[in-house]
């Protein structure tokens, strides 16, 4: 059974903390994306984001930027892109969230679109989800 978002967010919070990442949750405009400073290992999350189901993906994505040590001269803003650094952070996020989806599932119960819907993963990342599930 898939844990609820707050349990997933708590796990991600602890994972980030254990890896020296500091984070701040603020209430911003519902369409202001989260941001990360890789150099200082700080994440700013928007707790007012318009799609609450997407928060675990965003948080895992921002953690990915830091854990992948993606160097950049400024802030990195959440973008569900399938190119470059953003795609690598998205793949990291998918792999971080996958155990929550796979928990207690038999192989025949696993469905790419179920995972996508569960975490509000953009459908253009379907191939990355398929690959992550295959390699799990």
N, C-alpha and C. Protein backbone atom coordinates (compact mmCIF):
# COMPACT_ATOMS: atom_id res chain seq x y z
N UNK A 1 0.83 -1.19 0.00
CA UNK A 1 0.00 0.00 0.00
C UNK A 1 0.88 1.25 0.00
N UNK A 2 0.51 2.24 -0.78
CA UNK A 2 1.29 3.46 -0.90
C UNK A 2 1.05 4.33 0.34
N UNK A 3 2.12 4.78 0.92
CA UNK A 3 2.01 5.66 2.07
C UNK A 3 1.40 6.99 1.62
N UNK A 4 0.81 7.72 2.56
CA UNK A 4 0.27 9.02 2.18
C UNK A 4 1.41 10.02 2.01
N UNK A 5 1.10 11.14 1.40
CA UNK A 5 2.13 12.14 1.10
C UNK A 5 2.89 12.61 2.33
N UNK A 6 2.22 12.76 3.46
CA UNK A 6 2.93 13.25 4.64
C UNK A 6 3.98 12.25 5.12
N UNK A 7 3.69 10.97 5.03
CA UNK A 7 4.69 9.96 5.40
C UNK A 7 5.87 9.97 4.43
N UNK A 8 5.58 10.12 3.15
CA UNK A 8 6.64 10.19 2.14
C UNK A 8 7.48 11.45 2.38
N UNK A 9 6.81 12.57 2.62
CA UNK A 9 7.52 13.82 2.86
C UNK A 9 8.37 13.72 4.13
N UNK A 10 7.87 13.08 5.18
CA UNK A 10 8.65 12.90 6.40
C UNK A 10 9.91 12.09 6.12
N UNK A 11 9.76 11.02 5.33
CA UNK A 11 10.91 10.19 4.99
C UNK A 11 11.92 11.01 4.19
N UNK A 12 11.44 11.78 3.21
CA UNK A 12 12.34 12.61 2.40
C UNK A 12 13.04 13.67 3.26
N UNK A 13 12.29 14.25 4.20
CA UNK A 13 12.86 15.23 5.11
C UNK A 13 14.03 14.60 5.89
N UNK A 14 13.82 13.42 6.43
CA UNK A 14 14.87 12.73 7.19
C UNK A 14 16.04 12.35 6.30
N UNK A 15 15.75 11.90 5.07
CA UNK A 15 16.80 11.54 4.11
C UNK A 15 17.66 12.77 3.83
N UNK A 16 17.02 13.90 3.57
CA UNK A 16 17.75 15.14 3.29
C UNK A 16 18.58 15.53 4.51
N UNK A 17 17.97 15.54 5.67
CA UNK A 17 18.66 15.91 6.91
C UNK A 17 19.88 15.01 7.14
N UNK A 18 19.72 13.71 6.95
CA UNK A 18 20.81 12.75 7.14
C UNK A 18 21.97 12.99 6.17
N UNK A 19 21.66 13.67 5.05
CA UNK A 19 22.68 13.95 4.05
C UNK A 19 23.15 15.41 4.08
N UNK A 20 22.89 16.08 5.19
CA UNK A 20 23.40 17.44 5.37
C UNK A 20 22.67 18.52 4.58
N UNK A 21 21.47 18.22 4.15
CA UNK A 21 20.68 19.18 3.37
C UNK A 21 19.77 19.94 4.33
N UNK A 22 19.76 21.26 4.21
CA UNK A 22 18.82 22.06 5.01
C UNK A 22 17.68 22.48 4.09
N UNK A 23 16.50 22.58 4.67
CA UNK A 23 15.35 22.94 3.86
C UNK A 23 14.45 23.90 4.61
N UNK A 24 13.74 24.66 3.85
CA UNK A 24 12.79 25.60 4.40
C UNK A 24 11.50 25.46 3.59
N UNK A 25 10.39 25.38 4.31
CA UNK A 25 9.09 25.33 3.67
C UNK A 25 8.41 26.67 3.91
N UNK A 26 8.00 27.32 2.82
CA UNK A 26 7.34 28.63 2.92
C UNK A 26 6.04 28.60 2.14
N UNK A 27 5.13 29.45 2.55
CA UNK A 27 3.89 29.62 1.80
C UNK A 27 4.11 30.74 0.80
N UNK A 28 4.19 30.37 -0.46
CA UNK A 28 4.42 31.31 -1.54
C UNK A 28 3.23 31.26 -2.49
N UNK A 29 3.31 32.00 -3.57
CA UNK A 29 2.28 31.92 -4.60
C UNK A 29 2.13 30.46 -5.03
N UNK A 30 0.91 29.96 -5.26
CA UNK A 30 0.70 28.55 -5.59
C UNK A 30 1.44 28.06 -6.85
N UNK A 31 1.98 28.96 -7.65
CA UNK A 31 2.70 28.55 -8.85
C UNK A 31 4.19 28.89 -8.81
N UNK A 32 4.71 29.24 -7.63
CA UNK A 32 6.14 29.48 -7.46
C UNK A 32 6.82 28.14 -7.18
N UNK A 33 7.72 27.71 -8.09
CA UNK A 33 8.35 26.40 -7.89
C UNK A 33 9.39 26.42 -6.78
N UNK A 34 9.73 25.25 -6.25
CA UNK A 34 10.80 25.18 -5.26
C UNK A 34 12.14 25.50 -5.92
N UNK A 35 13.13 25.78 -5.09
CA UNK A 35 14.46 26.12 -5.60
C UNK A 35 15.53 25.48 -4.71
N UNK A 36 16.70 25.29 -5.30
CA UNK A 36 17.82 24.66 -4.60
C UNK A 36 19.10 25.41 -4.86
N UNK A 37 19.90 25.57 -3.82
CA UNK A 37 21.26 26.06 -3.97
C UNK A 37 22.15 24.85 -3.66
N UNK A 38 22.74 24.28 -4.70
CA UNK A 38 23.56 23.07 -4.55
C UNK A 38 24.79 23.36 -3.69
N UNK A 39 25.39 24.52 -3.88
CA UNK A 39 26.62 24.86 -3.16
C UNK A 39 26.40 24.89 -1.65
N UNK A 40 25.28 25.48 -1.20
CA UNK A 40 25.01 25.57 0.24
C UNK A 40 24.16 24.41 0.75
N UNK A 41 23.73 23.53 -0.17
CA UNK A 41 22.89 22.37 0.17
C UNK A 41 21.59 22.81 0.86
N UNK A 42 20.93 23.81 0.27
CA UNK A 42 19.68 24.34 0.82
C UNK A 42 18.57 24.23 -0.20
N UNK A 43 17.41 23.83 0.30
CA UNK A 43 16.21 23.70 -0.54
C UNK A 43 15.13 24.60 0.03
N UNK A 44 14.47 25.33 -0.85
CA UNK A 44 13.30 26.11 -0.49
C UNK A 44 12.10 25.47 -1.17
N UNK A 45 11.16 24.99 -0.35
CA UNK A 45 9.94 24.34 -0.87
C UNK A 45 8.75 25.28 -0.67
N UNK A 46 7.82 25.22 -1.61
CA UNK A 46 6.60 26.01 -1.53
C UNK A 46 5.47 25.14 -1.00
N UNK A 47 5.11 25.31 0.26
CA UNK A 47 4.06 24.49 0.86
C UNK A 47 2.67 24.87 0.37
N UNK A 48 2.57 25.94 -0.42
CA UNK A 48 1.28 26.35 -1.00
C UNK A 48 1.14 25.91 -2.45
N UNK A 49 2.02 25.05 -2.92
CA UNK A 49 2.00 24.61 -4.33
C UNK A 49 0.59 24.15 -4.70
N UNK A 50 0.16 24.51 -5.89
CA UNK A 50 -1.23 24.25 -6.33
C UNK A 50 -1.57 22.77 -6.44
N UNK A 51 -0.59 21.91 -6.62
CA UNK A 51 -0.83 20.47 -6.73
C UNK A 51 -0.09 19.77 -5.60
N UNK A 52 -0.76 19.59 -4.47
CA UNK A 52 -0.11 19.01 -3.27
C UNK A 52 0.44 17.61 -3.54
N UNK A 53 -0.20 16.86 -4.43
CA UNK A 53 0.26 15.50 -4.74
C UNK A 53 1.64 15.51 -5.39
N UNK A 54 2.06 16.64 -5.93
CA UNK A 54 3.35 16.75 -6.61
C UNK A 54 4.50 17.09 -5.65
N UNK A 55 4.19 17.47 -4.43
CA UNK A 55 5.23 17.89 -3.49
C UNK A 55 6.31 16.84 -3.24
N UNK A 56 5.96 15.55 -3.05
CA UNK A 56 7.05 14.57 -2.88
C UNK A 56 7.99 14.50 -4.08
N UNK A 57 7.44 14.57 -5.29
CA UNK A 57 8.27 14.55 -6.49
C UNK A 57 9.18 15.77 -6.51
N UNK A 58 8.63 16.93 -6.24
CA UNK A 58 9.43 18.16 -6.24
C UNK A 58 10.55 18.09 -5.21
N UNK A 59 10.19 17.67 -4.00
CA UNK A 59 11.18 17.60 -2.92
C UNK A 59 12.28 16.60 -3.28
N UNK A 60 11.90 15.43 -3.76
CA UNK A 60 12.88 14.41 -4.16
C UNK A 60 13.75 14.92 -5.31
N UNK A 61 13.17 15.67 -6.22
CA UNK A 61 13.89 16.26 -7.35
C UNK A 61 14.95 17.24 -6.83
N UNK A 62 14.56 18.10 -5.91
CA UNK A 62 15.50 19.09 -5.36
C UNK A 62 16.62 18.40 -4.58
N UNK A 63 16.27 17.36 -3.84
CA UNK A 63 17.30 16.56 -3.15
C UNK A 63 18.26 15.98 -4.18
N UNK A 64 17.71 15.52 -5.30
CA UNK A 64 18.52 14.96 -6.37
C UNK A 64 19.59 15.91 -6.87
N UNK A 65 19.23 17.19 -7.06
CA UNK A 65 20.23 18.17 -7.51
C UNK A 65 21.43 18.17 -6.56
N UNK A 66 21.14 18.14 -5.27
CA UNK A 66 22.22 18.20 -4.28
C UNK A 66 23.01 16.90 -4.23
N UNK A 67 22.30 15.77 -4.19
CA UNK A 67 22.98 14.48 -4.07
C UNK A 67 23.80 14.16 -5.32
N UNK A 68 23.37 14.66 -6.47
CA UNK A 68 24.12 14.47 -7.71
C UNK A 68 25.24 15.50 -7.86
N UNK A 69 25.31 16.42 -6.89
CA UNK A 69 26.33 17.48 -6.88
C UNK A 69 26.37 18.23 -8.20
N UNK A 70 25.20 18.62 -8.67
CA UNK A 70 25.11 19.36 -9.92
C UNK A 70 25.54 20.80 -9.70
N UNK A 71 26.66 21.13 -10.25
CA UNK A 71 27.21 22.48 -10.08
C UNK A 71 26.48 23.47 -10.99
N UNK A 72 26.15 24.58 -10.40
CA UNK A 72 25.46 25.63 -11.13
C UNK A 72 25.78 26.93 -10.43
N UNK A 73 25.86 28.03 -11.16
CA UNK A 73 26.27 29.30 -10.57
C UNK A 73 25.16 29.99 -9.78
N UNK A 74 23.92 29.54 -9.92
CA UNK A 74 22.82 30.18 -9.21
C UNK A 74 21.88 29.17 -8.62
N UNK A 75 20.65 29.58 -8.42
CA UNK A 75 19.63 28.68 -7.91
C UNK A 75 19.08 27.80 -9.02
N UNK A 76 18.73 26.59 -8.67
CA UNK A 76 18.05 25.69 -9.60
C UNK A 76 16.59 25.63 -9.20
N UNK A 77 15.71 25.87 -10.15
CA UNK A 77 14.27 25.84 -9.90
C UNK A 77 13.69 24.55 -10.46
N UNK A 78 12.70 24.00 -9.77
CA UNK A 78 12.07 22.76 -10.20
C UNK A 78 11.51 22.90 -11.61
N UNK A 79 11.93 22.00 -12.48
CA UNK A 79 11.42 21.92 -13.84
C UNK A 79 11.30 20.44 -14.18
N UNK A 80 10.10 19.97 -14.50
CA UNK A 80 9.95 18.55 -14.84
C UNK A 80 10.41 18.23 -16.26
N UNK A 81 11.64 18.61 -16.56
CA UNK A 81 12.19 18.47 -17.90
C UNK A 81 12.74 17.06 -18.13
N UNK A 82 12.86 16.70 -19.40
CA UNK A 82 13.51 15.43 -19.72
C UNK A 82 14.86 15.66 -20.39
N UNK A 83 15.50 16.79 -20.03
CA UNK A 83 16.79 17.12 -20.61
C UNK A 83 17.77 17.58 -19.53
N UNK A 84 19.05 17.26 -19.72
CA UNK A 84 20.13 17.77 -18.90
C UNK A 84 20.04 17.50 -17.42
N UNK A 85 20.49 18.50 -16.64
CA UNK A 85 20.52 18.38 -15.18
C UNK A 85 19.13 18.13 -14.62
N UNK A 86 18.13 18.78 -15.19
CA UNK A 86 16.76 18.61 -14.69
C UNK A 86 16.28 17.17 -14.87
N UNK A 87 16.62 16.57 -15.99
CA UNK A 87 16.23 15.18 -16.23
C UNK A 87 16.93 14.25 -15.26
N UNK A 88 18.21 14.50 -15.01
CA UNK A 88 18.95 13.67 -14.05
C UNK A 88 18.34 13.79 -12.65
N UNK A 89 17.95 14.99 -12.26
CA UNK A 89 17.30 15.19 -10.96
C UNK A 89 15.94 14.50 -10.93
N UNK A 90 15.23 14.52 -12.05
CA UNK A 90 13.93 13.82 -12.13
C UNK A 90 14.11 12.32 -11.99
N UNK A 91 15.13 11.77 -12.64
CA UNK A 91 15.39 10.33 -12.51
C UNK A 91 15.76 9.97 -11.07
N UNK A 92 16.55 10.82 -10.43
CA UNK A 92 16.91 10.60 -9.02
C UNK A 92 15.64 10.58 -8.17
N UNK A 93 14.77 11.54 -8.42
CA UNK A 93 13.51 11.65 -7.67
C UNK A 93 12.65 10.41 -7.86
N UNK A 94 12.52 9.95 -9.08
CA UNK A 94 11.72 8.76 -9.37
C UNK A 94 12.26 7.57 -8.59
N UNK A 95 13.58 7.42 -8.59
CA UNK A 95 14.19 6.30 -7.87
C UNK A 95 14.04 6.43 -6.35
N UNK A 96 14.01 7.66 -5.84
CA UNK A 96 13.78 7.85 -4.41
C UNK A 96 12.36 7.47 -4.01
N UNK A 97 11.40 7.78 -4.89
CA UNK A 97 9.99 7.53 -4.59
C UNK A 97 9.55 6.11 -4.88
N UNK A 98 10.26 5.43 -5.75
CA UNK A 98 9.85 4.10 -6.21
C UNK A 98 9.63 3.10 -5.08
N UNK A 99 10.48 3.03 -4.05
CA UNK A 99 10.22 2.05 -2.99
C UNK A 99 8.87 2.23 -2.30
N UNK A 100 8.40 3.47 -2.19
CA UNK A 100 7.09 3.70 -1.57
C UNK A 100 5.97 3.09 -2.41
N UNK A 101 6.14 3.15 -3.73
CA UNK A 101 5.15 2.57 -4.64
C UNK A 101 5.25 1.04 -4.67
N UNK A 102 6.47 0.53 -4.68
CA UNK A 102 6.69 -0.91 -4.85
C UNK A 102 6.39 -1.72 -3.60
N UNK A 103 6.39 -1.06 -2.46
CA UNK A 103 6.18 -1.74 -1.18
C UNK A 103 4.91 -2.59 -1.21
N UNK A 104 5.04 -3.84 -0.85
CA UNK A 104 3.92 -4.79 -0.75
C UNK A 104 3.23 -5.08 -2.08
N UNK A 105 3.90 -4.83 -3.20
CA UNK A 105 3.29 -5.11 -4.51
C UNK A 105 3.91 -6.38 -5.11
N UNK A 106 3.07 -7.18 -5.70
CA UNK A 106 3.54 -8.30 -6.51
C UNK A 106 3.88 -7.74 -7.90
N UNK A 107 4.80 -8.39 -8.63
CA UNK A 107 5.19 -7.86 -9.94
C UNK A 107 4.01 -7.55 -10.88
N UNK A 108 2.97 -8.37 -10.86
CA UNK A 108 1.84 -8.14 -11.76
C UNK A 108 0.99 -6.94 -11.35
N UNK A 109 1.21 -6.41 -10.14
CA UNK A 109 0.46 -5.24 -9.67
C UNK A 109 1.14 -3.93 -10.03
N UNK A 110 2.38 -4.00 -10.48
CA UNK A 110 3.14 -2.80 -10.79
C UNK A 110 2.68 -2.22 -12.12
N UNK A 111 2.41 -0.91 -12.12
CA UNK A 111 1.92 -0.24 -13.32
C UNK A 111 2.55 1.15 -13.41
N UNK A 112 3.20 1.41 -14.51
CA UNK A 112 3.88 2.69 -14.73
C UNK A 112 2.92 3.86 -14.51
N UNK A 113 1.72 3.77 -15.06
CA UNK A 113 0.77 4.89 -14.99
C UNK A 113 0.21 5.06 -13.59
N UNK A 114 0.13 3.98 -12.85
CA UNK A 114 -0.30 4.07 -11.46
C UNK A 114 0.74 4.87 -10.66
N UNK A 115 2.03 4.58 -10.88
CA UNK A 115 3.10 5.32 -10.22
C UNK A 115 3.05 6.80 -10.63
N UNK A 116 2.90 7.04 -11.92
CA UNK A 116 2.83 8.42 -12.44
C UNK A 116 1.69 9.18 -11.78
N UNK A 117 0.53 8.56 -11.70
CA UNK A 117 -0.62 9.22 -11.09
C UNK A 117 -0.45 9.40 -9.58
N UNK A 118 0.15 8.43 -8.94
CA UNK A 118 0.34 8.48 -7.49
C UNK A 118 1.16 9.70 -7.07
N UNK A 119 2.21 10.00 -7.82
CA UNK A 119 3.12 11.09 -7.46
C UNK A 119 3.04 12.29 -8.39
N UNK A 120 2.01 12.35 -9.23
CA UNK A 120 1.84 13.46 -10.17
C UNK A 120 3.09 13.69 -11.02
N UNK A 121 3.66 12.61 -11.50
CA UNK A 121 4.83 12.69 -12.37
C UNK A 121 4.34 13.09 -13.76
N UNK A 122 4.95 14.08 -14.38
CA UNK A 122 4.53 14.45 -15.74
C UNK A 122 4.67 13.26 -16.69
N UNK A 123 3.68 13.10 -17.56
CA UNK A 123 3.65 11.94 -18.45
C UNK A 123 4.83 11.89 -19.42
N UNK A 124 5.47 13.00 -19.69
CA UNK A 124 6.63 12.94 -20.60
C UNK A 124 7.83 12.26 -19.94
N UNK A 125 7.72 11.95 -18.63
CA UNK A 125 8.78 11.20 -17.94
C UNK A 125 8.47 9.71 -17.86
N UNK A 126 7.48 9.28 -18.65
CA UNK A 126 7.04 7.87 -18.66
C UNK A 126 8.21 6.92 -18.91
N UNK A 127 9.07 7.26 -19.85
CA UNK A 127 10.20 6.38 -20.18
C UNK A 127 11.15 6.24 -18.99
N UNK A 128 11.39 7.33 -18.28
CA UNK A 128 12.26 7.27 -17.10
C UNK A 128 11.63 6.42 -16.00
N UNK A 129 10.30 6.53 -15.83
CA UNK A 129 9.61 5.71 -14.83
C UNK A 129 9.68 4.24 -15.23
N UNK A 130 9.46 3.96 -16.50
CA UNK A 130 9.49 2.58 -17.00
C UNK A 130 10.87 1.97 -16.75
N UNK A 131 11.92 2.72 -17.04
CA UNK A 131 13.29 2.24 -16.83
C UNK A 131 13.57 2.00 -15.35
N UNK A 132 13.12 2.93 -14.50
CA UNK A 132 13.36 2.78 -13.05
C UNK A 132 12.66 1.55 -12.50
N UNK A 133 11.42 1.32 -12.94
CA UNK A 133 10.67 0.14 -12.48
C UNK A 133 11.36 -1.12 -12.97
N UNK A 134 11.79 -1.12 -14.20
CA UNK A 134 12.47 -2.29 -14.77
C UNK A 134 13.75 -2.61 -14.00
N UNK A 135 14.47 -1.58 -13.55
CA UNK A 135 15.74 -1.78 -12.85
C UNK A 135 15.58 -1.97 -11.35
N UNK A 136 14.36 -1.86 -10.84
CA UNK A 136 14.14 -1.93 -9.40
C UNK A 136 14.37 -3.34 -8.87
